[in-house]
Amino acid sequence: MKRLAAPFQRETATIAALAKLLTDPTRLQIIALLAEAPDYQKQLAARLVELGAAPRQSTLSHHLRALGDAGLVTQRKFGQRVYYRLTPAALAPLAGFLRGVADA
């Protein structure tokens, strides 16, 4: 088996955790939607329904919390609404690893 390039050896746990987190199709859809524009939870739920997913409010909250715990999503409260925003830099370790593998 070929060894990982030095930059990836230090980040293998982070890369594996991100990859595992992104195995859920709903989380991938949330990331794709937030990549287009930040949004609040109720509107995200409506946009997911348009895509054919219909997570319950508690399930959507669970996914947003998991993405937030991993640093992929940040939240900011405006009045009664909480807006969620993607943190693209948090995906950098995984993206760099996949680019490295694809270019090998």
C-alpha atoms as a PDB file:
ATOM      1  CA  MET A   1       0.000   0.000   0.000  1.00  0.00           C
ATOM      2  CA  LYS A   2       1.307   3.424  -0.928  1.00  0.00           C
ATOM      3  CA  ARG A   3       1.921   5.852   1.936  1.00  0.00           C
ATOM      4  CA  LEU A   4      -0.060   9.051   2.110  1.00  0.00           C
ATOM      5  CA  ALA A   5       1.769  12.241   1.270  1.00  0.00           C
ATOM      6  CA  ALA A   6       3.149  13.956   4.373  1.00  0.00           C
ATOM      7  CA  PRO A   7       0.479  16.687   4.607  1.00  0.00           C
ATOM      8  CA  PHE A   8      -2.267  14.068   4.723  1.00  0.00           C
ATOM      9  CA  GLN A   9      -0.622  11.825   7.304  1.00  0.00           C
ATOM     10  CA  ARG A  10      -1.194  14.455  10.007  1.00  0.00           C
ATOM     11  CA  GLU A  11      -4.832  14.960   9.025  1.00  0.00           C
ATOM     12  CA  THR A  12      -6.041  11.388   8.533  1.00  0.00           C
ATOM     13  CA  ALA A  13      -8.337  11.479  11.589  1.00  0.00           C
ATOM     14  CA  THR A  14      -9.875  14.770  10.445  1.00  0.00           C
ATOM     15  CA  ILE A  15     -10.284  13.518   6.879  1.00  0.00           C
ATOM     16  CA  ALA A  16     -11.894  10.273   8.078  1.00  0.00           C
ATOM     17  CA  ALA A  17     -14.283  12.132  10.397  1.00  0.00           C
ATOM     18  CA  LEU A  18     -15.362  14.485   7.600  1.00  0.00           C
ATOM     19  CA  ALA A  19     -15.837  11.608   5.172  1.00  0.00           C
ATOM     20  CA  LYS A  20     -17.939   9.703   7.704  1.00  0.00           C
ATOM     21  CA  LEU A  21     -20.048  12.785   8.435  1.00  0.00           C
ATOM     22  CA  LEU A  22     -20.744  13.249   4.732  1.00  0.00           C
ATOM     23  CA  THR A  23     -22.024   9.709   4.139  1.00  0.00           C
ATOM     24  CA  ASP A  24     -25.551  10.881   4.917  1.00  0.00           C
ATOM     25  CA  PRO A  25     -27.402  12.085   1.786  1.00  0.00           C
ATOM     26  CA  THR A  26     -29.415  14.666   3.731  1.00  0.00           C
ATOM     27  CA  ARG A  27     -26.227  16.220   5.110  1.00  0.00           C
ATOM     28  CA  LEU A  28     -24.807  16.401   1.607  1.00  0.00           C
ATOM     29  CA  GLN A  29     -27.967  18.148   0.440  1.00  0.00           C
ATOM     30  CA  ILE A  30     -27.770  20.601   3.349  1.00  0.00           C
ATOM     31  CA  ILE A  31     -24.153  21.396   2.467  1.00  0.00           C
ATOM     32  CA  ALA A  32     -25.058  21.888  -1.191  1.00  0.00           C
ATOM     33  CA  LEU A  33     -27.932  24.218  -0.272  1.00  0.00           C
ATOM     34  CA  LEU A  34     -25.818  26.234   2.150  1.00  0.00           C
ATOM     35  CA  ALA A  35     -23.070  26.492  -0.478  1.00  0.00           C
ATOM     36  CA  GLU A  36     -25.607  28.368  -2.622  1.00  0.00           C
ATOM     37  CA  ALA A  37     -26.678  30.733   0.166  1.00  0.00           C
ATOM     38  CA  PRO A  38     -26.985  30.902   3.952  1.00  0.00           C
ATOM     39  CA  ASP A  39     -30.460  30.113   5.197  1.00  0.00           C
ATOM     40  CA  TYR A  40     -32.547  29.548   8.296  1.00  0.00           C
ATOM     41  CA  GLN A  41     -33.811  26.149   9.406  1.00  0.00           C
ATOM     42  CA  LYS A  42     -37.438  26.432   8.293  1.00  0.00           C
ATOM     43  CA  GLN A  43     -36.425  27.572   4.812  1.00  0.00           C
ATOM     44  CA  LEU A  44     -33.786  24.824   4.592  1.00  0.00           C
ATOM     45  CA  ALA A  45     -36.517  22.301   5.388  1.00  0.00           C
ATOM     46  CA  ALA A  46     -38.673  23.699   2.573  1.00  0.00           C
ATOM     47  CA  ARG A  47     -35.760  23.596   0.124  1.00  0.00           C
ATOM     48  CA  LEU A  48     -35.020  19.979   1.110  1.00  0.00           C
ATOM     49  CA  VAL A  49     -38.651  19.049   0.429  1.00  0.00           C
ATOM     50  CA  GLU A  50     -38.248  20.522  -3.062  1.00  0.00           C
ATOM     51  CA  LEU A  51     -35.298  18.146  -3.541  1.00  0.00           C
ATOM     52  CA  GLY A  52     -37.384  15.163  -2.489  1.00  0.00           C
ATOM     53  CA  ALA A  53     -36.120  14.900   1.078  1.00  0.00           C
ATOM     54  CA  ALA A  54     -38.530  15.533   3.910  1.00  0.00           C
ATOM     55  CA  PRO A  55     -36.624  15.396   7.194  1.00  0.00           C
ATOM     56  CA  ARG A  56     -38.573  16.098  10.357  1.00  0.00           C
ATOM     57  CA  GLN A  57     -37.626  19.272  12.206  1.00  0.00           C
ATOM     58  CA  SER A  58     -35.817  17.273  14.886  1.00  0.00           C
ATOM     59  CA  THR A  59     -33.865  15.350  12.244  1.00  0.00           C
ATOM     60  CA  LEU A  60     -32.848  18.539  10.466  1.00  0.00           C
ATOM     61  CA  SER A  61     -31.746  20.006  13.806  1.00  0.00           C
ATOM     62  CA  HIS A  62     -29.676  16.883  14.443  1.00  0.00           C
ATOM     63  CA  HIS A  63     -27.950  17.174  11.054  1.00  0.00           C
ATOM     64  CA  LEU A  64     -27.269  20.896  11.493  1.00  0.00           C
ATOM     65  CA  ARG A  65     -25.847  20.267  14.961  1.00  0.00           C
ATOM     66  CA  ALA A  66     -23.578  17.479  13.650  1.00  0.00           C
ATOM     67  CA  LEU A  67     -22.362  19.708  10.808  1.00  0.00           C
ATOM     68  CA  GLY A  68     -21.849  22.554  13.274  1.00  0.00           C
ATOM     69  CA  ASP A  69     -19.926  20.355  15.721  1.00  0.00           C
ATOM     70  CA  ALA A  70     -17.586  19.436  12.873  1.00  0.00           C
ATOM     71  CA  GLY A  71     -17.089  23.112  12.037  1.00  0.00           C
ATOM     72  CA  LEU A  72     -18.717  22.777   8.612  1.00  0.00           C
ATOM     73  CA  VAL A  73     -21.625  25.065   9.451  1.00  0.00           C
ATOM     74  CA  THR A  74     -21.831  28.180  11.587  1.00  0.00           C
ATOM     75  CA  GLN A  75     -24.962  29.746  12.945  1.00  0.00           C
ATOM     76  CA  ARG A  76     -25.984  33.286  13.747  1.00  0.00           C
ATOM     77  CA  LYS A  77     -29.182  34.382  15.401  1.00  0.00           C
ATOM     78  CA  PHE A  78     -31.158  37.278  13.945  1.00  0.00           C
ATOM     79  CA  GLY A  79     -34.234  37.969  16.052  1.00  0.00           C
ATOM     80  CA  GLN A  80     -36.215  34.749  16.265  1.00  0.00           C
ATOM     81  CA  ARG A  81     -34.396  33.095  13.362  1.00  0.00           C
ATOM     82  CA  VAL A  82     -31.109  31.244  13.328  1.00  0.00           C
ATOM     83  CA  TYR A  83     -29.249  31.479  10.035  1.00  0.00           C
ATOM     84  CA  TYR A  84     -26.847  28.755   9.016  1.00  0.00           C
ATOM     85  CA  ARG A  85     -23.818  29.325   6.805  1.00  0.00           C
ATOM     86  CA  LEU A  86     -21.390  26.853   5.271  1.00  0.00           C
ATOM     87  CA  THR A  87     -17.738  27.116   6.311  1.00  0.00           C
ATOM     88  CA  PRO A  88     -15.972  25.990   3.107  1.00  0.00           C
ATOM     89  CA  ALA A  89     -12.512  26.101   4.699  1.00  0.00           C
ATOM     90  CA  ALA A  90     -13.549  23.273   7.022  1.00  0.00           C
ATOM     91  CA  LEU A  91     -13.845  21.004   3.983  1.00  0.00           C
ATOM     92  CA  ALA A  92     -10.279  21.804   2.862  1.00  0.00           C
ATOM     93  CA  PRO A  93      -8.573  18.738   4.402  1.00  0.00           C
ATOM     94  CA  LEU A  94     -10.983  16.333   2.724  1.00  0.00           C
ATOM     95  CA  ALA A  95     -10.982  18.258  -0.577  1.00  0.00           C
ATOM     96  CA  GLY A  96      -7.183  18.365  -0.633  1.00  0.00           C
ATOM     97  CA  PHE A  97      -6.942  14.665   0.095  1.00  0.00           C
ATOM     98  CA  LEU A  98      -9.403  13.773  -2.669  1.00  0.00           C
ATOM     99  CA  ARG A  99      -7.587  16.026  -5.147  1.00  0.00           C
ATOM    100  CA  GLY A 100      -4.304  14.365  -4.204  1.00  0.00           C
ATOM    101  CA  VAL A 101      -5.740  10.897  -4.688  1.00  0.00           C
ATOM    102  CA  ALA A 102      -7.434  11.854  -7.959  1.00  0.00           C
ATOM    103  CA  ASP A 103      -4.195  13.306  -9.313  1.00  0.00           C
ATOM    104  CA  ALA A 104      -2.103  10.291  -8.296  1.00  0.00           C
END
